[in-house]
């Protein structure tokens, strides 16, 4: 995600189903700069909890990571793999 050129994200919206907060942070930032709505979806490994967030770039509303707390930033490099090897 970090190496993806911004021009590749052009469209009506971007849907991200990523396995790390760092990847989400990068994609939030890219969508914010492009003015493209970002839809973020995630499911816990046990399949019992799903979450969907929609961030529409608007200077009056804040960005996708504005609601993050200290715990989110401490876990920014943690990944959540889909399965065990």
PDB file of N, CA and C in Angstrom:
ATOM      1  N   UNK A   1       0.828  -1.189   0.000  1.00  0.00           N
ATOM      2  CA  UNK A   1       0.000   0.000   0.000  1.00  0.00           C
ATOM      3  C   UNK A   1       0.873   1.252   0.000  1.00  0.00           C
ATOM      4  N   UNK A   2       1.955   1.234   0.763  1.00  0.00           N
ATOM      5  CA  UNK A   2       2.804   2.421   0.860  1.00  0.00           C
ATOM      6  C   UNK A   2       3.485   2.772  -0.455  1.00  0.00           C
ATOM      7  N   UNK A   3       3.738   1.790  -1.306  1.00  0.00           N
ATOM      8  CA  UNK A   3       4.436   2.031  -2.572  1.00  0.00           C
ATOM      9  C   UNK A   3       3.467   2.298  -3.724  1.00  0.00           C
ATOM     10  N   UNK A   4       2.170   2.229  -3.485  1.00  0.00           N
ATOM     11  CA  UNK A   4       1.180   2.431  -4.530  1.00  0.00           C
ATOM     12  C   UNK A   4       1.096   3.908  -4.902  1.00  0.00           C
ATOM     13  N   UNK A   5       1.271   4.228  -6.188  1.00  0.00           N
ATOM     14  CA  UNK A   5       1.153   5.636  -6.597  1.00  0.00           C
ATOM     15  C   UNK A   5      -0.266   6.152  -6.346  1.00  0.00           C
ATOM     16  N   UNK A   6      -0.385   7.398  -5.903  1.00  0.00           N
ATOM     17  CA  UNK A   6      -1.696   7.971  -5.589  1.00  0.00           C
ATOM     18  C   UNK A   6      -2.650   7.916  -6.775  1.00  0.00           C
ATOM     19  N   UNK A   7      -2.134   8.060  -7.976  1.00  0.00           N
ATOM     20  CA  UNK A   7      -2.980   8.030  -9.166  1.00  0.00           C
ATOM     21  C   UNK A   7      -3.707   6.720  -9.358  1.00  0.00           C
ATOM     22  N   UNK A   8      -3.231   5.639  -8.769  1.00  0.00           N
ATOM     23  CA  UNK A   8      -3.877   4.328  -8.880  1.00  0.00           C
ATOM     24  C   UNK A   8      -5.120   4.240  -7.996  1.00  0.00           C
ATOM     25  N   UNK A   9      -5.308   5.195  -7.104  1.00  0.00           N
ATOM     26  CA  UNK A   9      -6.449   5.178  -6.187  1.00  0.00           C
ATOM     27  C   UNK A   9      -7.622   6.009  -6.692  1.00  0.00           C
ATOM     28  N   UNK A  10      -7.531   6.510  -7.872  1.00  0.00           N
ATOM     29  CA  UNK A  10      -8.616   7.353  -8.379  1.00  0.00           C
ATOM     30  C   UNK A  10      -9.870   6.527  -8.623  1.00  0.00           C
ATOM     31  N   UNK A  11     -10.990   7.062  -8.192  1.00  0.00           N
ATOM     32  CA  UNK A  11     -12.276   6.398  -8.373  1.00  0.00           C
ATOM     33  C   UNK A  11     -13.300   7.075  -7.494  1.00  0.00           C
ATOM     34  N   UNK A  12     -14.502   6.551  -7.477  1.00  0.00           N
ATOM     35  CA  UNK A  12     -15.571   7.136  -6.674  1.00  0.00           C
ATOM     36  C   UNK A  12     -15.342   6.920  -5.184  1.00  0.00           C
ATOM     37  N   UNK A  13     -14.678   5.813  -4.830  1.00  0.00           N
ATOM     38  CA  UNK A  13     -14.380   5.492  -3.435  1.00  0.00           C
ATOM     39  C   UNK A  13     -13.301   4.420  -3.417  1.00  0.00           C
ATOM     40  N   UNK A  14     -12.665   4.260  -2.260  1.00  0.00           N
ATOM     41  CA  UNK A  14     -11.665   3.215  -2.073  1.00  0.00           C
ATOM     42  C   UNK A  14     -12.150   2.310  -0.949  1.00  0.00           C
ATOM     43  N   UNK A  15     -12.133   1.005  -1.194  1.00  0.00           N
ATOM     44  CA  UNK A  15     -12.506   0.020  -0.190  1.00  0.00           C
ATOM     45  C   UNK A  15     -11.234  -0.663   0.285  1.00  0.00           C
ATOM     46  N   UNK A  16     -10.958  -0.551   1.575  1.00  0.00           N
ATOM     47  CA  UNK A  16      -9.768  -1.173   2.136  1.00  0.00           C
ATOM     48  C   UNK A  16     -10.141  -2.247   3.141  1.00  0.00           C
ATOM     49  N   UNK A  17      -9.592  -3.420   2.958  1.00  0.00           N
ATOM     50  CA  UNK A  17      -9.760  -4.534   3.896  1.00  0.00           C
ATOM     51  C   UNK A  17      -8.348  -4.969   4.257  1.00  0.00           C
ATOM     52  N   UNK A  18      -7.721  -4.229   5.123  1.00  0.00           N
ATOM     53  CA  UNK A  18      -6.291  -4.379   5.388  1.00  0.00           C
ATOM     54  C   UNK A  18      -6.031  -5.054   6.718  1.00  0.00           C
ATOM     55  N   UNK A  19      -4.809  -5.599   6.868  1.00  0.00           N
ATOM     56  CA  UNK A  19      -4.486  -6.374   8.064  1.00  0.00           C
ATOM     57  C   UNK A  19      -3.621  -5.627   9.072  1.00  0.00           C
ATOM     58  N   UNK A  20      -3.465  -4.310   8.906  1.00  0.00           N
ATOM     59  CA  UNK A  20      -2.671  -3.570   9.887  1.00  0.00           C
ATOM     60  C   UNK A  20      -3.147  -2.125   9.985  1.00  0.00           C
ATOM     61  N   UNK A  21      -2.952  -1.560  11.158  1.00  0.00           N
ATOM     62  CA  UNK A  21      -3.288  -0.143  11.346  1.00  0.00           C
ATOM     63  C   UNK A  21      -2.388   0.737  10.496  1.00  0.00           C
ATOM     64  N   UNK A  22      -1.135   0.330  10.316  1.00  0.00           N
ATOM     65  CA  UNK A  22      -0.202   1.123   9.506  1.00  0.00           C
ATOM     66  C   UNK A  22      -0.706   1.229   8.067  1.00  0.00           C
ATOM     67  N   UNK A  23      -1.150   0.116   7.497  1.00  0.00           N
ATOM     68  CA  UNK A  23      -1.682   0.146   6.135  1.00  0.00           C
ATOM     69  C   UNK A  23      -2.931   1.018   6.073  1.00  0.00           C
ATOM     70  N   UNK A  24      -3.787   0.912   7.084  1.00  0.00           N
ATOM     71  CA  UNK A  24      -4.986   1.765   7.128  1.00  0.00           C
ATOM     72  C   UNK A  24      -4.600   3.243   7.202  1.00  0.00           C
ATOM     73  N   UNK A  25      -3.609   3.551   8.023  1.00  0.00           N
ATOM     74  CA  UNK A  25      -3.158   4.925   8.183  1.00  0.00           C
ATOM     75  C   UNK A  25      -2.669   5.482   6.847  1.00  0.00           C
ATOM     76  N   UNK A  26      -1.905   4.700   6.109  1.00  0.00           N
ATOM     77  CA  UNK A  26      -1.392   5.124   4.807  1.00  0.00           C
ATOM     78  C   UNK A  26      -2.540   5.346   3.831  1.00  0.00           C
ATOM     79  N   UNK A  27      -3.495   4.414   3.799  1.00  0.00           N
ATOM     80  CA  UNK A  27      -4.610   4.537   2.871  1.00  0.00           C
ATOM     81  C   UNK A  27      -5.546   5.684   3.257  1.00  0.00           C
ATOM     82  N   UNK A  28      -5.807   5.869   4.557  1.00  0.00           N
ATOM     83  CA  UNK A  28      -6.577   7.034   5.009  1.00  0.00           C
ATOM     84  C   UNK A  28      -5.948   8.324   4.491  1.00  0.00           C
ATOM     85  N   UNK A  29      -4.638   8.445   4.664  1.00  0.00           N
ATOM     86  CA  UNK A  29      -3.922   9.651   4.254  1.00  0.00           C
ATOM     87  C   UNK A  29      -4.017   9.864   2.748  1.00  0.00           C
ATOM     88  N   UNK A  30      -3.812   8.806   1.974  1.00  0.00           N
ATOM     89  CA  UNK A  30      -3.874   8.918   0.515  1.00  0.00           C
ATOM     90  C   UNK A  30      -5.269   9.357   0.063  1.00  0.00           C
ATOM     91  N   UNK A  31      -6.298   8.748   0.605  1.00  0.00           N
ATOM     92  CA  UNK A  31      -7.665   9.100   0.227  1.00  0.00           C
ATOM     93  C   UNK A  31      -7.998  10.528   0.640  1.00  0.00           C
ATOM     94  N   UNK A  32      -7.517  10.919   1.809  1.00  0.00           N
ATOM     95  CA  UNK A  32      -7.747  12.288   2.290  1.00  0.00           C
ATOM     96  C   UNK A  32      -7.138  13.294   1.316  1.00  0.00           C
ATOM     97  N   UNK A  33      -5.892  13.037   0.915  1.00  0.00           N
ATOM     98  CA  UNK A  33      -5.213  13.960  -0.008  1.00  0.00           C
ATOM     99  C   UNK A  33      -5.871  13.985  -1.375  1.00  0.00           C
ATOM    100  N   UNK A  34      -6.446  12.867  -1.816  1.00  0.00           N
ATOM    101  CA  UNK A  34      -7.104  12.799  -3.114  1.00  0.00           C
ATOM    102  C   UNK A  34      -8.555  13.267  -3.066  1.00  0.00           C
ATOM    103  N   UNK A  35      -9.108  13.414  -1.861  1.00  0.00           N
ATOM    104  CA  UNK A  35     -10.505  13.806  -1.735  1.00  0.00           C
ATOM    105  C   UNK A  35     -11.466  12.680  -2.077  1.00  0.00           C
ATOM    106  N   UNK A  36     -11.024  11.430  -1.876  1.00  0.00           N
ATOM    107  CA  UNK A  36     -11.814  10.249  -2.214  1.00  0.00           C
ATOM    108  C   UNK A  36     -12.341   9.607  -0.929  1.00  0.00           C
ATOM    109  N   UNK A  37     -13.628   9.288  -0.852  1.00  0.00           N
ATOM    110  CA  UNK A  37     -14.143   8.592   0.328  1.00  0.00           C
ATOM    111  C   UNK A  37     -13.449   7.240   0.517  1.00  0.00           C
ATOM    112  N   UNK A  38     -13.227   6.880   1.763  1.00  0.00           N
ATOM    113  CA  UNK A  38     -12.559   5.628   2.105  1.00  0.00           C
ATOM    114  C   UNK A  38     -13.497   4.777   2.947  1.00  0.00           C
ATOM    115  N   UNK A  39     -13.696   3.537   2.519  1.00  0.00           N
ATOM    116  CA  UNK A  39     -14.517   2.579   3.261  1.00  0.00           C
ATOM    117  C   UNK A  39     -13.568   1.515   3.787  1.00  0.00           C
ATOM    118  N   UNK A  40     -13.515   1.379   5.097  1.00  0.00           N
ATOM    119  CA  UNK A  40     -12.612   0.423   5.727  1.00  0.00           C
ATOM    120  C   UNK A  40     -13.446  -0.672   6.373  1.00  0.00           C
ATOM    121  N   UNK A  41     -13.098  -1.926   6.072  1.00  0.00           N
ATOM    122  CA  UNK A  41     -13.835  -3.055   6.633  1.00  0.00           C
ATOM    123  C   UNK A  41     -12.861  -4.028   7.270  1.00  0.00           C
ATOM    124  N   UNK A  42     -13.291  -4.653   8.344  1.00  0.00           N
ATOM    125  CA  UNK A  42     -12.447  -5.628   9.007  1.00  0.00           C
ATOM    126  C   UNK A  42     -13.295  -6.657   9.741  1.00  0.00           C
ATOM    127  N   UNK A  43     -12.748  -7.857   9.867  1.00  0.00           N
ATOM    128  CA  UNK A  43     -13.411  -8.950  10.571  1.00  0.00           C
ATOM    129  C   UNK A  43     -12.392  -9.579  11.504  1.00  0.00           C
ATOM    130  N   UNK A  44     -12.785  -9.833  12.746  1.00  0.00           N
ATOM    131  CA  UNK A  44     -11.892 -10.542  13.660  1.00  0.00           C
ATOM    132  C   UNK A  44     -11.698 -11.967  13.170  1.00  0.00           C
ATOM    133  N   UNK A  45     -10.561 -12.555  13.504  1.00  0.00           N
ATOM    134  CA  UNK A  45     -10.210 -13.891  13.024  1.00  0.00           C
ATOM    135  C   UNK A  45     -11.265 -14.941  13.376  1.00  0.00           C
ATOM    136  N   UNK A  46     -11.945 -14.781  14.513  1.00  0.00           N
ATOM    137  CA  UNK A  46     -12.956 -15.774  14.891  1.00  0.00           C
ATOM    138  C   UNK A  46     -14.272 -15.586  14.120  1.00  0.00           C
ATOM    139  N   UNK A  47     -14.356 -14.511  13.335  1.00  0.00           N
ATOM    140  CA  UNK A  47     -15.529 -14.273  12.514  1.00  0.00           C
ATOM    141  C   UNK A  47     -16.748 -13.774  13.267  1.00  0.00           C
ATOM    142  N   UNK A  48     -16.601 -13.461  14.553  1.00  0.00           N
ATOM    143  CA  UNK A  48     -17.750 -13.057  15.359  1.00  0.00           C
ATOM    144  C   UNK A  48     -17.960 -11.548  15.425  1.00  0.00           C
ATOM    145  N   UNK A  49     -17.038 -10.779  14.856  1.00  0.00           N
ATOM    146  CA  UNK A  49     -17.173  -9.330  14.910  1.00  0.00           C
ATOM    147  C   UNK A  49     -16.698  -8.734  13.587  1.00  0.00           C
ATOM    148  N   UNK A  50     -17.524  -7.895  13.006  1.00  0.00           N
ATOM    149  CA  UNK A  50     -17.164  -7.173  11.786  1.00  0.00           C
ATOM    150  C   UNK A  50     -17.328  -5.689  12.051  1.00  0.00           C
ATOM    151  N   UNK A  51     -16.538  -4.892  11.354  1.00  0.00           N
ATOM    152  CA  UNK A  51     -16.578  -3.448  11.531  1.00  0.00           C
ATOM    153  C   UNK A  51     -16.440  -2.787  10.173  1.00  0.00           C
ATOM    154  N   UNK A  52     -17.239  -1.762   9.931  1.00  0.00           N
ATOM    155  CA  UNK A  52     -17.141  -0.983   8.708  1.00  0.00           C
ATOM    156  C   UNK A  52     -17.120   0.484   9.105  1.00  0.00           C
ATOM    157  N   UNK A  53     -16.141   1.205   8.567  1.00  0.00           N
ATOM    158  CA  UNK A  53     -16.029   2.649   8.807  1.00  0.00           C
ATOM    159  C   UNK A  53     -15.998   3.350   7.452  1.00  0.00           C
ATOM    160  N   UNK A  54     -16.652   4.486   7.376  1.00  0.00           N
ATOM    161  CA  UNK A  54     -16.631   5.293   6.161  1.00  0.00           C
ATOM    162  C   UNK A  54     -16.075   6.659   6.518  1.00  0.00           C
ATOM    163  N   UNK A  55     -15.060   7.079   5.779  1.00  0.00           N
ATOM    164  CA  UNK A  55     -14.457   8.392   5.996  1.00  0.00           C
ATOM    165  C   UNK A  55     -14.597   9.184   4.705  1.00  0.00           C
ATOM    166  N   UNK A  56     -15.320  10.306   4.798  1.00  0.00           N
ATOM    167  CA  UNK A  56     -15.480  11.198   3.655  1.00  0.00           C
ATOM    168  C   UNK A  56     -14.599  12.410   3.918  1.00  0.00           C
ATOM    169  N   UNK A  57     -13.623  12.676   3.049  1.00  0.00           N
ATOM    170  CA  UNK A  57     -12.720  13.805   3.283  1.00  0.00           C
ATOM    171  C   UNK A  57     -13.473  15.126   3.407  1.00  0.00           C
ATOM    172  N   UNK A  58     -13.342  15.747   4.557  1.00  0.00           N
ATOM    173  CA  UNK A  58     -13.973  17.034   4.834  1.00  0.00           C
ATOM    174  C   UNK A  58     -13.175  17.693   5.955  1.00  0.00           C
ATOM    175  N   UNK A  59     -12.584  18.845   5.688  1.00  0.00           N
ATOM    176  CA  UNK A  59     -11.759  19.507   6.712  1.00  0.00           C
ATOM    177  C   UNK A  59     -12.498  19.770   8.021  1.00  0.00           C
ATOM    178  N   UNK A  60     -13.820  19.859   7.971  1.00  0.00           N
ATOM    179  CA  UNK A  60     -14.593  20.114   9.189  1.00  0.00           C
ATOM    180  C   UNK A  60     -14.860  18.852   9.998  1.00  0.00           C
ATOM    181  N   UNK A  61     -14.627  17.671   9.416  1.00  0.00           N
ATOM    182  CA  UNK A  61     -14.954  16.420  10.090  1.00  0.00           C
ATOM    183  C   UNK A  61     -13.748  15.686  10.659  1.00  0.00           C
ATOM    184  N   UNK A  62     -12.567  15.966  10.187  1.00  0.00           N
ATOM    185  CA  UNK A  62     -11.387  15.239  10.642  1.00  0.00           C
ATOM    186  C   UNK A  62     -11.104  14.049   9.740  1.00  0.00           C
ATOM    187  N   UNK A  63      -9.959  13.462   9.938  1.00  0.00           N
ATOM    188  CA  UNK A  63      -9.527  12.364   9.067  1.00  0.00           C
ATOM    189  C   UNK A  63      -9.842  11.001   9.691  1.00  0.00           C
ATOM    190  N   UNK A  64      -9.459   9.946   9.005  1.00  0.00           N
ATOM    191  CA  UNK A  64      -9.741   8.596   9.462  1.00  0.00           C
ATOM    192  C   UNK A  64      -9.038   8.185  10.724  1.00  0.00           C
ATOM    193  N   UNK A  65      -7.913   8.798  11.036  1.00  0.00           N
ATOM    194  CA  UNK A  65      -7.186   8.413  12.240  1.00  0.00           C
ATOM    195  C   UNK A  65      -7.366   9.416  13.378  1.00  0.00           C
ATOM    196  N   UNK A  66      -8.168  10.433  13.176  1.00  0.00           N
ATOM    197  CA  UNK A  66      -8.393  11.414  14.244  1.00  0.00           C
ATOM    198  C   UNK A  66      -9.009  10.786  15.487  1.00  0.00           C
ATOM    199  N   UNK A  67      -9.775   9.719  15.295  1.00  0.00           N
ATOM    200  CA  UNK A  67     -10.407   9.049  16.422  1.00  0.00           C
ATOM    201  C   UNK A  67      -9.540   7.997  17.085  1.00  0.00           C
ATOM    202  N   UNK A  68      -8.334   7.793  16.569  1.00  0.00           N
ATOM    203  CA  UNK A  68      -7.435   6.802  17.169  1.00  0.00           C
ATOM    204  C   UNK A  68      -6.965   7.276  18.536  1.00  0.00           C
ATOM    205  N   UNK A  69      -6.794   6.332  19.445  1.00  0.00           N
ATOM    206  CA  UNK A  69      -6.264   6.668  20.763  1.00  0.00           C
ATOM    207  C   UNK A  69      -4.841   6.116  20.895  1.00  0.00           C
ATOM    208  N   UNK A  70      -4.263   6.256  22.068  1.00  0.00           N
ATOM    209  CA  UNK A  70      -2.882   5.802  22.289  1.00  0.00           C
ATOM    210  C   UNK A  70      -2.709   4.316  21.993  1.00  0.00           C
ATOM    211  N   UNK A  71      -3.713   3.515  22.315  1.00  0.00           N
ATOM    212  CA  UNK A  71      -3.622   2.069  22.062  1.00  0.00           C
ATOM    213  C   UNK A  71      -3.513   1.789  20.566  1.00  0.00           C
ATOM    214  N   UNK A  72      -4.273   2.528  19.753  1.00  0.00           N
ATOM    215  CA  UNK A  72      -4.184   2.342  18.302  1.00  0.00           C
ATOM    216  C   UNK A  72      -2.782   2.654  17.797  1.00  0.00           C
ATOM    217  N   UNK A  73      -2.205   3.740  18.280  1.00  0.00           N
ATOM    218  CA  UNK A  73      -0.861   4.109  17.824  1.00  0.00           C
ATOM    219  C   UNK A  73       0.203   3.142  18.329  1.00  0.00           C
ATOM    220  N   UNK A  74       0.007   2.563  19.508  1.00  0.00           N
ATOM    221  CA  UNK A  74       0.961   1.554  19.996  1.00  0.00           C
ATOM    222  C   UNK A  74       0.924   0.300  19.131  1.00  0.00           C
ATOM    223  N   UNK A  75      -0.219   0.016  18.542  1.00  0.00           N
ATOM    224  CA  UNK A  75      -0.390  -1.193  17.736  1.00  0.00           C
ATOM    225  C   UNK A  75      -0.261  -0.940  16.229  1.00  0.00           C
ATOM    226  N   UNK A  76       0.239   0.221  15.847  1.00  0.00           N
ATOM    227  CA  UNK A  76       0.256   0.602  14.440  1.00  0.00           C
ATOM    228  C   UNK A  76       1.054  -0.374  13.562  1.00  0.00           C
ATOM    229  N   UNK A  77       2.031  -1.056  14.087  1.00  0.00           N
ATOM    230  CA  UNK A  77       2.808  -1.998  13.292  1.00  0.00           C
ATOM    231  C   UNK A  77       2.322  -3.442  13.407  1.00  0.00           C
ATOM    232  N   UNK A  78       1.326  -3.718  14.258  1.00  0.00           N
ATOM    233  CA  UNK A  78       0.814  -5.067  14.406  1.00  0.00           C
ATOM    234  C   UNK A  78       0.000  -5.481  13.191  1.00  0.00           C
ATOM    235  N   UNK A  79       0.206  -6.707  12.718  1.00  0.00           N
ATOM    236  CA  UNK A  79      -0.560  -7.254  11.605  1.00  0.00           C
ATOM    237  C   UNK A  79      -1.464  -8.356  12.112  1.00  0.00           C
ATOM    238  N   UNK A  80      -2.529  -8.605  11.389  1.00  0.00           N
ATOM    239  CA  UNK A  80      -3.504  -9.612  11.752  1.00  0.00           C
ATOM    240  C   UNK A  80      -3.627 -10.596  10.585  1.00  0.00           C
ATOM    241  N   UNK A  81      -2.788 -11.623  10.560  1.00  0.00           N
ATOM    242  CA  UNK A  81      -2.820 -12.570   9.435  1.00  0.00           C
ATOM    243  C   UNK A  81      -4.122 -13.357   9.394  1.00  0.00           C
ATOM    244  N   UNK A  82      -4.489 -13.763   8.211  1.00  0.00           N
ATOM    245  CA  UNK A  82      -5.752 -14.491   8.010  1.00  0.00           C
ATOM    246  C   UNK A  82      -5.707 -15.899   8.577  1.00  0.00           C
ATOM    247  N   UNK A  83      -4.560 -16.531   8.583  1.00  0.00           N
ATOM    248  CA  UNK A  83      -4.481 -17.901   9.072  1.00  0.00           C
ATOM    249  C   UNK A  83      -3.095 -18.226   9.564  1.00  0.00           C
ATOM    250  N   UNK A  84      -2.995 -19.298  10.261  1.00  0.00           N
ATOM    251  CA  UNK A  84      -1.700 -19.745  10.774  1.00  0.00           C
ATOM    252  C   UNK A  84      -1.040 -20.648   9.748  1.00  0.00           C
ATOM    253  N   UNK A  85       0.272 -20.575   9.642  1.00  0.00           N
ATOM    254  CA  UNK A  85       1.024 -21.444   8.721  1.00  0.00           C
ATOM    255  C   UNK A  85       1.326 -22.774   9.363  1.00  0.00           C
TER     256      UNK A  85
END
